[in-house]
Amino acid sequence: MDTRLSHALAVTMEVSGRSLAEACKRTIIYLAQSARALTRQSKKKRRVRRDKGLEYVETYKKDGTISRLFRFKFDEKSDEVRGTWEQAKIIGGRGLAKRSWMWGLKGMNNVKSVGKSIPGVGRLRKILTAQVGGFILSNKLSYILKAMPAGWKQIAEQKATNKIMKQAETKLKRDWARAVQRTGSQRNTKPDMAKYIRRVA
């Protein structure tokens, strides 16, 4: 885990009073949401390619290997293919890579997974030892890395860090405003978010 994200975890525990387990749960959710947002979504139709004048489209098998579907087999109504050539060009699993990031979080409270998941793709493991506590989210979709931009892990961690720190800042300001309202005085110490920001800089 990035050092800044680790420090953000410490900040949210200090400011919000969350336990380590609750802080880690929220963080893994933010990481999955960030990864989902970064995942590229394919076009609606597959690109029609040519090999020696023969048109074909590429599809992915379950093991991640690429398979070619040639148009002439549809025209000849070959038993090797199903449906029509037009249907073969449509990407039925469009958006699957985006949705897959949330599948492993199904057991967590307040986490909604859109669409039917593929068994074994998303997995969440809980780590609990005397020195370490947290979660590991794995995504085993065969082509997931091809759908991710360069440096996506670092970007997702930074986005999660920013969200945690923003929530901490909001809570500090809200608590201060309530204290002012309760006492009728603004002499209450205004929250200093800078000391927390320095810890994740």
N, C-alpha and C. Protein backbone atom coordinates (compact mmCIF):
# COMPACT_ATOMS: atom_id res chain seq x y z
N MET A 1 0.83 -1.19 0.00
CA MET A 1 0.00 0.00 0.00
C MET A 1 0.87 1.25 0.00
N ASP A 2 0.47 2.26 -0.77
CA ASP A 2 1.18 3.51 -0.83
C ASP A 2 1.25 4.15 0.56
N THR A 3 2.40 4.77 0.87
CA THR A 3 2.60 5.38 2.20
C THR A 3 1.56 6.45 2.47
N ARG A 4 1.23 7.26 1.46
CA ARG A 4 0.25 8.33 1.65
C ARG A 4 -1.12 7.76 1.99
N LEU A 5 -1.47 6.63 1.38
CA LEU A 5 -2.75 6.00 1.68
C LEU A 5 -2.76 5.44 3.10
N SER A 6 -1.63 4.89 3.53
CA SER A 6 -1.51 4.39 4.90
C SER A 6 -1.69 5.52 5.91
N HIS A 7 -1.10 6.67 5.60
CA HIS A 7 -1.24 7.83 6.49
C HIS A 7 -2.68 8.35 6.48
N ALA A 8 -3.33 8.29 5.33
CA ALA A 8 -4.73 8.73 5.24
C ALA A 8 -5.61 7.84 6.10
N LEU A 9 -5.30 6.56 6.14
CA LEU A 9 -6.03 5.63 7.01
C LEU A 9 -5.90 6.05 8.47
N ALA A 10 -4.69 6.41 8.86
CA ALA A 10 -4.45 6.85 10.24
C ALA A 10 -5.23 8.12 10.54
N VAL A 11 -5.30 9.03 9.56
CA VAL A 11 -6.04 10.28 9.74
C VAL A 11 -7.53 10.02 9.94
N THR A 12 -8.11 9.17 9.10
CA THR A 12 -9.56 8.91 9.21
C THR A 12 -9.90 8.21 10.52
N MET A 13 -8.99 7.38 11.03
CA MET A 13 -9.21 6.75 12.33
C MET A 13 -9.17 7.78 13.45
N GLU A 14 -8.24 8.72 13.34
CA GLU A 14 -8.09 9.75 14.36
C GLU A 14 -9.23 10.76 14.34
N VAL A 15 -9.62 11.20 13.14
CA VAL A 15 -10.64 12.24 13.01
C VAL A 15 -12.04 11.69 13.20
N SER A 16 -12.30 10.53 12.60
CA SER A 16 -13.66 9.97 12.62
C SER A 16 -13.89 8.95 13.73
N GLY A 17 -12.80 8.50 14.35
CA GLY A 17 -12.95 7.53 15.42
C GLY A 17 -13.29 6.13 14.92
N ARG A 18 -13.00 5.87 13.65
CA ARG A 18 -13.28 4.55 13.10
C ARG A 18 -12.23 3.54 13.56
N SER A 19 -12.66 2.29 13.64
CA SER A 19 -11.72 1.23 13.95
C SER A 19 -10.86 0.95 12.72
N LEU A 20 -9.76 0.23 12.91
CA LEU A 20 -8.90 -0.12 11.78
C LEU A 20 -9.66 -0.94 10.76
N ALA A 21 -10.49 -1.88 11.24
CA ALA A 21 -11.25 -2.74 10.32
C ALA A 21 -12.21 -1.93 9.47
N GLU A 22 -12.93 -0.98 10.09
CA GLU A 22 -13.89 -0.16 9.36
C GLU A 22 -13.17 0.77 8.38
N ALA A 23 -12.05 1.32 8.81
CA ALA A 23 -11.27 2.21 7.93
C ALA A 23 -10.77 1.44 6.71
N CYS A 24 -10.31 0.21 6.92
CA CYS A 24 -9.82 -0.62 5.81
C CYS A 24 -10.95 -1.01 4.86
N LYS A 25 -12.13 -1.28 5.40
CA LYS A 25 -13.28 -1.63 4.57
C LYS A 25 -13.62 -0.47 3.63
N ARG A 26 -13.69 0.72 4.19
CA ARG A 26 -14.01 1.89 3.37
C ARG A 26 -12.94 2.14 2.32
N THR A 27 -11.69 1.93 2.70
CA THR A 27 -10.59 2.17 1.77
C THR A 27 -10.62 1.21 0.59
N ILE A 28 -10.88 -0.07 0.85
CA ILE A 28 -10.90 -1.05 -0.24
C ILE A 28 -12.07 -0.77 -1.19
N ILE A 29 -13.17 -0.24 -0.65
CA ILE A 29 -14.30 0.15 -1.48
C ILE A 29 -13.91 1.33 -2.37
N TYR A 30 -13.24 2.33 -1.79
CA TYR A 30 -12.81 3.49 -2.57
C TYR A 30 -11.82 3.09 -3.66
N LEU A 31 -10.93 2.15 -3.35
CA LEU A 31 -9.96 1.67 -4.34
C LEU A 31 -10.67 0.97 -5.50
N ALA A 32 -11.66 0.13 -5.18
CA ALA A 32 -12.41 -0.57 -6.22
C ALA A 32 -13.19 0.41 -7.07
N GLN A 33 -13.80 1.41 -6.45
CA GLN A 33 -14.54 2.43 -7.19
C GLN A 33 -13.62 3.24 -8.11
N SER A 34 -12.43 3.54 -7.61
CA SER A 34 -11.47 4.29 -8.43
C SER A 34 -11.00 3.46 -9.61
N ALA A 35 -10.71 2.17 -9.37
CA ALA A 35 -10.29 1.28 -10.45
C ALA A 35 -11.39 1.13 -11.49
N ARG A 36 -12.62 1.04 -11.02
CA ARG A 36 -13.76 0.93 -11.94
C ARG A 36 -13.85 2.17 -12.83
N ALA A 37 -13.67 3.35 -12.25
CA ALA A 37 -13.75 4.59 -13.01
C ALA A 37 -12.63 4.69 -14.04
N LEU A 38 -11.47 4.09 -13.74
CA LEU A 38 -10.33 4.16 -14.64
C LEU A 38 -10.39 3.13 -15.77
N THR A 39 -11.22 2.11 -15.61
CA THR A 39 -11.28 1.03 -16.58
C THR A 39 -11.90 1.50 -17.90
N ARG A 40 -11.20 1.25 -18.98
CA ARG A 40 -11.71 1.65 -20.30
C ARG A 40 -12.87 0.74 -20.72
N GLN A 41 -13.87 1.32 -21.32
CA GLN A 41 -15.00 0.55 -21.83
C GLN A 41 -14.88 0.41 -23.34
N SER A 42 -15.12 -0.77 -23.81
CA SER A 42 -14.96 -1.04 -25.24
C SER A 42 -16.07 -0.37 -26.06
N LYS A 43 -15.86 -0.33 -27.36
CA LYS A 43 -16.89 0.18 -28.26
C LYS A 43 -18.03 -0.84 -28.34
N LYS A 44 -19.13 -0.42 -28.93
CA LYS A 44 -20.30 -1.30 -28.98
C LYS A 44 -20.08 -2.49 -29.94
N LYS A 45 -19.27 -2.26 -30.97
CA LYS A 45 -19.04 -3.32 -31.95
C LYS A 45 -17.56 -3.63 -32.08
N ARG A 46 -17.27 -4.88 -32.38
CA ARG A 46 -15.89 -5.31 -32.60
C ARG A 46 -15.38 -4.77 -33.94
N ARG A 47 -14.11 -4.55 -33.99
CA ARG A 47 -13.47 -4.09 -35.23
C ARG A 47 -13.43 -5.24 -36.22
N VAL A 48 -13.86 -4.97 -37.45
CA VAL A 48 -13.81 -5.98 -38.51
C VAL A 48 -12.41 -5.93 -39.13
N ARG A 49 -11.73 -7.06 -39.08
CA ARG A 49 -10.37 -7.15 -39.61
C ARG A 49 -10.35 -7.99 -40.88
N ARG A 50 -9.20 -8.02 -41.56
CA ARG A 50 -9.06 -8.80 -42.79
C ARG A 50 -7.76 -9.60 -42.76
N ASP A 51 -7.86 -10.79 -43.26
CA ASP A 51 -6.68 -11.64 -43.42
C ASP A 51 -6.80 -12.33 -44.77
N LYS A 52 -5.95 -11.92 -45.70
CA LYS A 52 -5.96 -12.45 -47.07
C LYS A 52 -7.34 -12.26 -47.72
N GLY A 53 -7.93 -11.10 -47.44
CA GLY A 53 -9.21 -10.76 -48.06
C GLY A 53 -10.43 -11.29 -47.32
N LEU A 54 -10.21 -12.05 -46.25
CA LEU A 54 -11.32 -12.64 -45.50
C LEU A 54 -11.61 -11.80 -44.26
N GLU A 55 -12.87 -11.41 -44.09
CA GLU A 55 -13.26 -10.61 -42.94
C GLU A 55 -13.44 -11.49 -41.70
N TYR A 56 -13.01 -10.93 -40.56
CA TYR A 56 -13.20 -11.65 -39.30
C TYR A 56 -13.22 -10.66 -38.14
N VAL A 57 -13.71 -11.13 -36.99
CA VAL A 57 -13.65 -10.35 -35.75
C VAL A 57 -12.96 -11.21 -34.70
N GLU A 58 -12.39 -10.53 -33.71
CA GLU A 58 -11.70 -11.24 -32.64
C GLU A 58 -12.55 -11.26 -31.38
N THR A 59 -12.60 -12.41 -30.73
CA THR A 59 -13.30 -12.55 -29.45
C THR A 59 -12.36 -13.19 -28.45
N TYR A 60 -12.64 -12.96 -27.17
CA TYR A 60 -11.81 -13.53 -26.11
C TYR A 60 -12.46 -14.80 -25.56
N LYS A 61 -11.64 -15.84 -25.40
CA LYS A 61 -12.10 -17.04 -24.73
C LYS A 61 -11.98 -16.84 -23.22
N LYS A 62 -12.51 -17.78 -22.43
CA LYS A 62 -12.48 -17.66 -20.98
C LYS A 62 -11.07 -17.63 -20.42
N ASP A 63 -10.13 -18.27 -21.13
CA ASP A 63 -8.75 -18.30 -20.64
C ASP A 63 -7.95 -17.08 -21.09
N GLY A 64 -8.62 -16.15 -21.78
CA GLY A 64 -7.95 -14.92 -22.20
C GLY A 64 -7.35 -14.97 -23.59
N THR A 65 -7.33 -16.14 -24.22
CA THR A 65 -6.78 -16.24 -25.58
C THR A 65 -7.78 -15.68 -26.59
N ILE A 66 -7.25 -15.25 -27.74
CA ILE A 66 -8.08 -14.63 -28.77
C ILE A 66 -8.51 -15.66 -29.80
N SER A 67 -9.79 -15.58 -30.17
CA SER A 67 -10.35 -16.47 -31.18
C SER A 67 -10.84 -15.65 -32.37
N ARG A 68 -10.64 -16.14 -33.57
CA ARG A 68 -11.09 -15.45 -34.77
C ARG A 68 -12.42 -16.05 -35.26
N LEU A 69 -13.38 -15.17 -35.55
CA LEU A 69 -14.64 -15.60 -36.15
C LEU A 69 -14.72 -15.03 -37.55
N PHE A 70 -14.63 -15.90 -38.56
CA PHE A 70 -14.62 -15.45 -39.96
C PHE A 70 -16.04 -15.32 -40.51
N ARG A 71 -16.23 -14.29 -41.30
CA ARG A 71 -17.55 -14.00 -41.86
C ARG A 71 -18.05 -15.13 -42.75
N PHE A 72 -17.16 -15.73 -43.51
CA PHE A 72 -17.59 -16.75 -44.48
C PHE A 72 -18.25 -17.94 -43.78
N LYS A 73 -17.87 -18.18 -42.52
CA LYS A 73 -18.48 -19.30 -41.79
C LYS A 73 -19.94 -19.01 -41.45
N PHE A 74 -20.26 -17.74 -41.24
CA PHE A 74 -21.65 -17.36 -41.01
C PHE A 74 -22.44 -17.43 -42.31
N ASP A 75 -21.79 -16.98 -43.39
CA ASP A 75 -22.45 -17.02 -44.70
C ASP A 75 -22.75 -18.46 -45.11
N GLU A 76 -21.86 -19.37 -44.77
CA GLU A 76 -22.03 -20.79 -45.12
C GLU A 76 -22.85 -21.54 -44.08
N LYS A 77 -23.26 -20.80 -43.00
CA LYS A 77 -24.01 -21.42 -41.89
C LYS A 77 -23.29 -22.63 -41.32
N SER A 78 -22.01 -22.43 -41.06
CA SER A 78 -21.18 -23.49 -40.50
C SER A 78 -21.62 -23.83 -39.07
N ASP A 79 -21.48 -25.10 -38.70
CA ASP A 79 -21.80 -25.55 -37.34
C ASP A 79 -20.81 -25.01 -36.32
N GLU A 80 -19.70 -24.44 -36.78
CA GLU A 80 -18.66 -23.93 -35.88
C GLU A 80 -19.02 -22.59 -35.25
N VAL A 81 -20.04 -21.92 -35.82
CA VAL A 81 -20.44 -20.61 -35.30
C VAL A 81 -21.93 -20.59 -35.00
N ARG A 82 -22.32 -19.64 -34.14
CA ARG A 82 -23.72 -19.48 -33.79
C ARG A 82 -24.19 -18.08 -34.14
N GLY A 83 -25.49 -17.94 -34.40
CA GLY A 83 -26.05 -16.64 -34.69
C GLY A 83 -25.68 -16.13 -36.07
N THR A 84 -25.66 -14.82 -36.21
CA THR A 84 -25.39 -14.19 -37.50
C THR A 84 -24.09 -13.39 -37.42
N TRP A 85 -23.62 -12.96 -38.58
CA TRP A 85 -22.41 -12.15 -38.65
C TRP A 85 -22.61 -10.81 -37.93
N GLU A 86 -23.79 -10.22 -38.07
CA GLU A 86 -24.08 -8.96 -37.40
C GLU A 86 -24.05 -9.13 -35.89
N GLN A 87 -24.56 -10.24 -35.41
CA GLN A 87 -24.54 -10.51 -33.97
C GLN A 87 -23.11 -10.73 -33.47
N ALA A 88 -22.28 -11.34 -34.31
CA ALA A 88 -20.90 -11.61 -33.92
C ALA A 88 -20.10 -10.33 -33.74
N LYS A 89 -20.51 -9.27 -34.45
CA LYS A 89 -19.79 -8.00 -34.35
C LYS A 89 -20.14 -7.23 -33.09
N ILE A 90 -21.24 -7.56 -32.45
CA ILE A 90 -21.67 -6.85 -31.24
C ILE A 90 -20.95 -7.42 -30.02
N ILE A 91 -20.42 -6.55 -29.18
CA ILE A 91 -19.72 -6.97 -27.97
C ILE A 91 -20.74 -7.14 -26.85
N GLY A 92 -21.09 -8.39 -26.59
CA GLY A 92 -22.12 -8.69 -25.60
C GLY A 92 -21.70 -8.37 -24.17
N GLY A 93 -20.40 -8.49 -23.89
CA GLY A 93 -19.91 -8.26 -22.54
C GLY A 93 -19.39 -6.86 -22.32
N ARG A 94 -19.87 -5.92 -23.12
CA ARG A 94 -19.39 -4.54 -23.00
C ARG A 94 -19.66 -4.01 -21.59
N GLY A 95 -18.65 -3.44 -20.96
CA GLY A 95 -18.81 -2.91 -19.62
C GLY A 95 -18.53 -3.92 -18.52
N LEU A 96 -18.22 -5.16 -18.92
CA LEU A 96 -17.97 -6.23 -17.95
C LEU A 96 -16.74 -5.92 -17.10
N ALA A 97 -15.70 -5.41 -17.73
CA ALA A 97 -14.46 -5.12 -17.00
C ALA A 97 -14.70 -4.07 -15.92
N LYS A 98 -15.47 -3.04 -16.23
CA LYS A 98 -15.80 -2.02 -15.24
C LYS A 98 -16.53 -2.62 -14.05
N ARG A 99 -17.55 -3.42 -14.35
CA ARG A 99 -18.38 -3.99 -13.29
C ARG A 99 -17.63 -4.99 -12.44
N SER A 100 -16.63 -5.63 -13.01
CA SER A 100 -15.95 -6.72 -12.31
C SER A 100 -15.24 -6.28 -11.03
N TRP A 101 -14.88 -4.99 -10.94
CA TRP A 101 -14.16 -4.52 -9.75
C TRP A 101 -15.01 -4.60 -8.49
N MET A 102 -16.32 -4.56 -8.63
CA MET A 102 -17.18 -4.55 -7.45
C MET A 102 -17.66 -5.95 -7.06
N TRP A 103 -17.40 -6.94 -7.90
CA TRP A 103 -17.92 -8.28 -7.62
C TRP A 103 -17.36 -8.88 -6.32
N GLY A 104 -16.09 -8.63 -6.06
CA GLY A 104 -15.49 -9.20 -4.86
C GLY A 104 -15.96 -8.57 -3.57
N LEU A 105 -16.69 -7.44 -3.67
CA LEU A 105 -17.14 -6.71 -2.48
C LEU A 105 -18.60 -6.99 -2.14
N LYS A 106 -19.19 -7.97 -2.78
CA LYS A 106 -20.62 -8.24 -2.60
C LYS A 106 -21.01 -8.48 -1.15
N GLY A 107 -20.11 -9.09 -0.38
CA GLY A 107 -20.45 -9.41 1.01
C GLY A 107 -20.40 -8.23 1.95
N MET A 108 -19.90 -7.10 1.50
CA MET A 108 -19.78 -5.93 2.36
C MET A 108 -21.10 -5.15 2.39
N ASN A 109 -21.33 -4.48 3.51
CA ASN A 109 -22.54 -3.69 3.66
C ASN A 109 -22.51 -2.48 2.74
N ASN A 110 -23.68 -2.12 2.22
CA ASN A 110 -23.85 -0.90 1.40
C ASN A 110 -23.04 -0.91 0.11
N VAL A 111 -22.70 -2.10 -0.38
CA VAL A 111 -21.99 -2.20 -1.65
C VAL A 111 -22.89 -2.90 -2.66
N LYS A 112 -23.19 -2.21 -3.74
CA LYS A 112 -24.05 -2.77 -4.78
C LYS A 112 -23.22 -3.17 -5.98
N SER A 113 -23.43 -4.39 -6.43
CA SER A 113 -22.74 -4.89 -7.61
C SER A 113 -23.72 -4.93 -8.77
N VAL A 114 -23.40 -4.21 -9.84
CA VAL A 114 -24.31 -4.12 -10.98
C VAL A 114 -24.08 -5.29 -11.93
N GLY A 115 -25.17 -5.97 -12.28
CA GLY A 115 -25.07 -7.06 -13.24
C GLY A 115 -24.63 -8.37 -12.60
N LYS A 116 -24.80 -9.43 -13.35
CA LYS A 116 -24.44 -10.76 -12.88
C LYS A 116 -22.93 -10.94 -12.91
N SER A 117 -22.39 -11.48 -11.83
CA SER A 117 -20.94 -11.66 -11.76
C SER A 117 -20.52 -13.02 -12.32
N ILE A 118 -19.26 -13.11 -12.67
CA ILE A 118 -18.69 -14.38 -13.14
C ILE A 118 -18.00 -15.04 -11.95
N PRO A 119 -18.40 -16.25 -11.59
CA PRO A 119 -17.83 -16.92 -10.42
C PRO A 119 -16.31 -17.01 -10.50
N GLY A 120 -15.65 -16.68 -9.39
CA GLY A 120 -14.20 -16.81 -9.31
C GLY A 120 -13.40 -15.63 -9.80
N VAL A 121 -14.06 -14.62 -10.38
CA VAL A 121 -13.33 -13.46 -10.92
C VAL A 121 -12.95 -12.50 -9.80
N GLY A 122 -13.93 -12.10 -9.01
CA GLY A 122 -13.67 -11.17 -7.91
C GLY A 122 -13.55 -11.89 -6.59
N ARG A 123 -12.49 -11.60 -5.87
CA ARG A 123 -12.27 -12.26 -4.59
C ARG A 123 -11.72 -11.27 -3.57
N LEU A 124 -12.26 -11.33 -2.36
CA LEU A 124 -11.81 -10.45 -1.28
C LEU A 124 -11.27 -11.31 -0.14
N ARG A 125 -10.03 -11.06 0.23
CA ARG A 125 -9.42 -11.81 1.34
C ARG A 125 -9.16 -10.86 2.50
N LYS A 126 -9.46 -11.33 3.69
CA LYS A 126 -9.21 -10.54 4.90
C LYS A 126 -7.89 -10.97 5.51
N ILE A 127 -7.04 -10.00 5.80
CA ILE A 127 -5.74 -10.27 6.41
C ILE A 127 -5.77 -9.79 7.86
N LEU A 128 -5.50 -10.67 8.78
CA LEU A 128 -5.51 -10.29 10.19
C LEU A 128 -4.41 -11.03 10.94
N THR A 129 -3.38 -10.30 11.34
CA THR A 129 -2.30 -10.86 12.14
C THR A 129 -2.06 -9.92 13.32
N ALA A 130 -1.08 -10.24 14.13
CA ALA A 130 -0.76 -9.39 15.29
C ALA A 130 -0.25 -8.02 14.85
N GLN A 131 0.39 -7.96 13.66
CA GLN A 131 0.97 -6.69 13.19
C GLN A 131 0.20 -6.05 12.03
N VAL A 132 -0.55 -6.84 11.28
CA VAL A 132 -1.18 -6.35 10.05
C VAL A 132 -2.66 -6.68 10.02
N GLY A 133 -3.45 -5.72 9.53
CA GLY A 133 -4.87 -5.96 9.33
C GLY A 133 -5.33 -5.27 8.07
N GLY A 134 -6.20 -5.90 7.31
CA GLY A 134 -6.67 -5.27 6.08
C GLY A 134 -7.32 -6.25 5.14
N PHE A 135 -7.48 -5.84 3.89
CA PHE A 135 -8.14 -6.65 2.87
C PHE A 135 -7.32 -6.64 1.58
N ILE A 136 -7.42 -7.73 0.84
CA ILE A 136 -6.80 -7.82 -0.49
C ILE A 136 -7.90 -8.15 -1.49
N LEU A 137 -8.10 -7.26 -2.47
CA LEU A 137 -9.10 -7.47 -3.51
C LEU A 137 -8.40 -7.90 -4.79
N SER A 138 -8.80 -9.04 -5.33
CA SER A 138 -8.20 -9.52 -6.58
C SER A 138 -9.26 -9.56 -7.68
N ASN A 139 -8.82 -9.27 -8.90
CA ASN A 139 -9.69 -9.30 -10.07
C ASN A 139 -9.03 -10.22 -11.09
N LYS A 140 -9.63 -11.37 -11.33
CA LYS A 140 -9.03 -12.36 -12.21
C LYS A 140 -9.68 -12.41 -13.60
N LEU A 141 -10.37 -11.33 -13.97
CA LEU A 141 -10.90 -11.27 -15.33
C LEU A 141 -9.73 -11.35 -16.30
N SER A 142 -9.80 -12.24 -17.26
CA SER A 142 -8.65 -12.57 -18.09
C SER A 142 -8.05 -11.37 -18.82
N TYR A 143 -8.86 -10.38 -19.20
CA TYR A 143 -8.35 -9.26 -19.99
C TYR A 143 -8.38 -7.94 -19.21
N ILE A 144 -8.52 -8.00 -17.90
CA ILE A 144 -8.69 -6.77 -17.13
C ILE A 144 -7.50 -5.82 -17.28
N LEU A 145 -6.29 -6.35 -17.31
CA LEU A 145 -5.11 -5.47 -17.41
C LEU A 145 -5.06 -4.74 -18.75
N LYS A 146 -5.63 -5.35 -19.79
CA LYS A 146 -5.65 -4.70 -21.10
C LYS A 146 -6.62 -3.52 -21.11
N ALA A 147 -7.55 -3.51 -20.16
CA ALA A 147 -8.55 -2.44 -20.09
C ALA A 147 -8.12 -1.31 -19.16
N MET A 148 -6.95 -1.48 -18.52
CA MET A 148 -6.49 -0.48 -17.56
C MET A 148 -5.40 0.42 -18.16
N PRO A 149 -5.39 1.70 -17.81
CA PRO A 149 -4.34 2.60 -18.31
C PRO A 149 -3.04 2.39 -17.56
N ALA A 150 -1.95 2.90 -18.09
CA ALA A 150 -0.65 2.80 -17.43
C ALA A 150 -0.70 3.54 -16.09
N GLY A 151 -0.11 2.94 -15.07
CA GLY A 151 -0.05 3.57 -13.75
C GLY A 151 -1.37 3.59 -13.01
N TRP A 152 -2.29 2.70 -13.39
CA TRP A 152 -3.63 2.74 -12.80
C TRP A 152 -3.64 2.48 -11.29
N LYS A 153 -2.73 1.65 -10.80
CA LYS A 153 -2.70 1.36 -9.36
C LYS A 153 -2.38 2.62 -8.56
N GLN A 154 -1.37 3.34 -9.00
CA GLN A 154 -0.98 4.57 -8.30
C GLN A 154 -2.09 5.62 -8.36
N ILE A 155 -2.74 5.70 -9.53
CA ILE A 155 -3.83 6.68 -9.68
C ILE A 155 -4.99 6.32 -8.76
N ALA A 156 -5.35 5.04 -8.70
CA ALA A 156 -6.46 4.59 -7.85
C ALA A 156 -6.16 4.87 -6.38
N GLU A 157 -4.91 4.63 -5.97
CA GLU A 157 -4.53 4.88 -4.58
C GLU A 157 -4.59 6.37 -4.26
N GLN A 158 -4.17 7.21 -5.20
CA GLN A 158 -4.21 8.65 -4.98
C GLN A 158 -5.65 9.15 -4.88
N LYS A 159 -6.53 8.61 -5.73
CA LYS A 159 -7.94 8.99 -5.69
C LYS A 159 -8.57 8.58 -4.36
N ALA A 160 -8.24 7.38 -3.89
CA ALA A 160 -8.78 6.91 -2.61
C ALA A 160 -8.26 7.78 -1.47
N THR A 161 -6.97 8.13 -1.53
CA THR A 161 -6.38 9.00 -0.51
C THR A 161 -7.08 10.35 -0.48
N ASN A 162 -7.31 10.93 -1.65
CA ASN A 162 -7.97 12.23 -1.74
C ASN A 162 -9.38 12.19 -1.16
N LYS A 163 -10.09 11.09 -1.43
CA LYS A 163 -11.46 10.97 -0.93
C LYS A 163 -11.48 10.85 0.59
N ILE A 164 -10.57 10.06 1.14
CA ILE A 164 -10.49 9.90 2.59
C ILE A 164 -10.17 11.23 3.27
N MET A 165 -9.22 11.96 2.71
CA MET A 165 -8.82 13.24 3.29
C MET A 165 -9.93 14.28 3.17
N LYS A 166 -10.66 14.26 2.09
CA LYS A 166 -11.77 15.19 1.91
C LYS A 166 -12.85 14.92 2.95
N GLN A 167 -13.13 13.66 3.21
CA GLN A 167 -14.13 13.31 4.20
C GLN A 167 -13.69 13.72 5.60
N ALA A 168 -12.39 13.56 5.88
CA ALA A 168 -11.86 13.98 7.18
C ALA A 168 -11.99 15.49 7.35
N GLU A 169 -11.68 16.23 6.28
CA GLU A 169 -11.79 17.69 6.33
C GLU A 169 -13.24 18.12 6.56
N THR A 170 -14.17 17.47 5.86
CA THR A 170 -15.59 17.79 6.01
C THR A 170 -16.06 17.56 7.44
N LYS A 171 -15.61 16.46 8.04
CA LYS A 171 -16.02 16.16 9.41
C LYS A 171 -15.44 17.18 10.40
N LEU A 172 -14.19 17.56 10.22
CA LEU A 172 -13.58 18.55 11.10
C LEU A 172 -14.35 19.87 11.04
N LYS A 173 -14.68 20.31 9.83
CA LYS A 173 -15.40 21.58 9.67
C LYS A 173 -16.81 21.48 10.25
N ARG A 174 -17.45 20.33 10.07
CA ARG A 174 -18.79 20.15 10.60
C ARG A 174 -18.79 20.15 12.13
N ASP A 175 -17.81 19.48 12.71
CA ASP A 175 -17.70 19.45 14.18
C ASP A 175 -17.43 20.85 14.73
N TRP A 176 -16.60 21.62 14.04
CA TRP A 176 -16.29 22.98 14.49
C TRP A 176 -17.54 23.87 14.41
N ALA A 177 -18.29 23.74 13.31
CA ALA A 177 -19.50 24.55 13.14
C ALA A 177 -20.52 24.22 14.24
N ARG A 178 -20.62 22.96 14.59
CA ARG A 178 -21.55 22.57 15.65
C ARG A 178 -21.11 23.13 17.01
N ALA A 179 -19.79 23.14 17.23
CA ALA A 179 -19.27 23.67 18.49
C ALA A 179 -19.56 25.17 18.59
N VAL A 180 -19.40 25.88 17.48
CA VAL A 180 -19.69 27.31 17.45
C VAL A 180 -21.17 27.56 17.72
N GLN A 181 -22.01 26.76 17.09
CA GLN A 181 -23.45 26.91 17.28
C GLN A 181 -23.87 26.60 18.71
N ARG A 182 -23.21 25.63 19.30
CA ARG A 182 -23.57 25.21 20.66
C ARG A 182 -23.15 26.25 21.69
N THR A 183 -21.99 26.84 21.52
CA THR A 183 -21.45 27.79 22.50
C THR A 183 -21.78 29.24 22.16
N GLY A 184 -22.17 29.48 20.91
CA GLY A 184 -22.47 30.84 20.49
C GLY A 184 -21.23 31.69 20.35
N SER A 185 -20.08 31.07 20.24
CA SER A 185 -18.82 31.81 20.13
C SER A 185 -17.93 31.17 19.10
N GLN A 186 -17.19 31.99 18.36
CA GLN A 186 -16.26 31.48 17.37
C GLN A 186 -14.84 31.39 17.92
N ARG A 187 -14.74 31.47 19.25
CA ARG A 187 -13.43 31.36 19.86
C ARG A 187 -12.93 29.92 19.88
N ASN A 188 -13.84 29.00 19.57
CA ASN A 188 -13.42 27.61 19.47
C ASN A 188 -12.33 27.50 18.40
N THR A 189 -11.35 26.67 18.67
CA THR A 189 -10.23 26.53 17.75
C THR A 189 -10.71 26.00 16.40
N LYS A 190 -10.43 26.76 15.35
CA LYS A 190 -10.82 26.34 14.01
C LYS A 190 -9.97 25.14 13.60
N PRO A 191 -10.57 24.13 12.97
CA PRO A 191 -9.82 22.92 12.61
C PRO A 191 -8.64 23.21 11.68
N ASP A 192 -7.52 22.63 12.01
CA ASP A 192 -6.31 22.83 11.21
C ASP A 192 -6.06 21.57 10.39
N MET A 193 -6.56 21.58 9.14
CA MET A 193 -6.42 20.41 8.27
C MET A 193 -4.99 20.27 7.77
N ALA A 194 -4.23 21.36 7.82
CA ALA A 194 -2.87 21.35 7.27
C ALA A 194 -2.00 20.31 7.93
N LYS A 195 -2.15 20.11 9.24
CA LYS A 195 -1.29 19.15 9.93
C LYS A 195 -1.57 17.72 9.48
N TYR A 196 -2.80 17.48 9.04
CA TYR A 196 -3.14 16.14 8.51
C TYR A 196 -2.64 16.00 7.07
N ILE A 197 -2.79 17.08 6.30
CA ILE A 197 -2.36 17.04 4.90
C ILE A 197 -0.86 16.78 4.80
N ARG A 198 -0.09 17.38 5.72
CA ARG A 198 1.35 17.19 5.69
C ARG A 198 1.72 15.73 5.87
N ARG A 199 0.89 14.96 6.53
CA ARG A 199 1.20 13.55 6.77
C ARG A 199 1.01 12.68 5.53
N VAL A 200 0.25 13.18 4.56
CA VAL A 200 0.03 12.39 3.34
C VAL A 200 0.68 13.05 2.12
N ALA A 201 1.42 14.14 2.34
CA ALA A 201 2.05 14.84 1.21
C ALA A 201 3.22 14.02 0.65
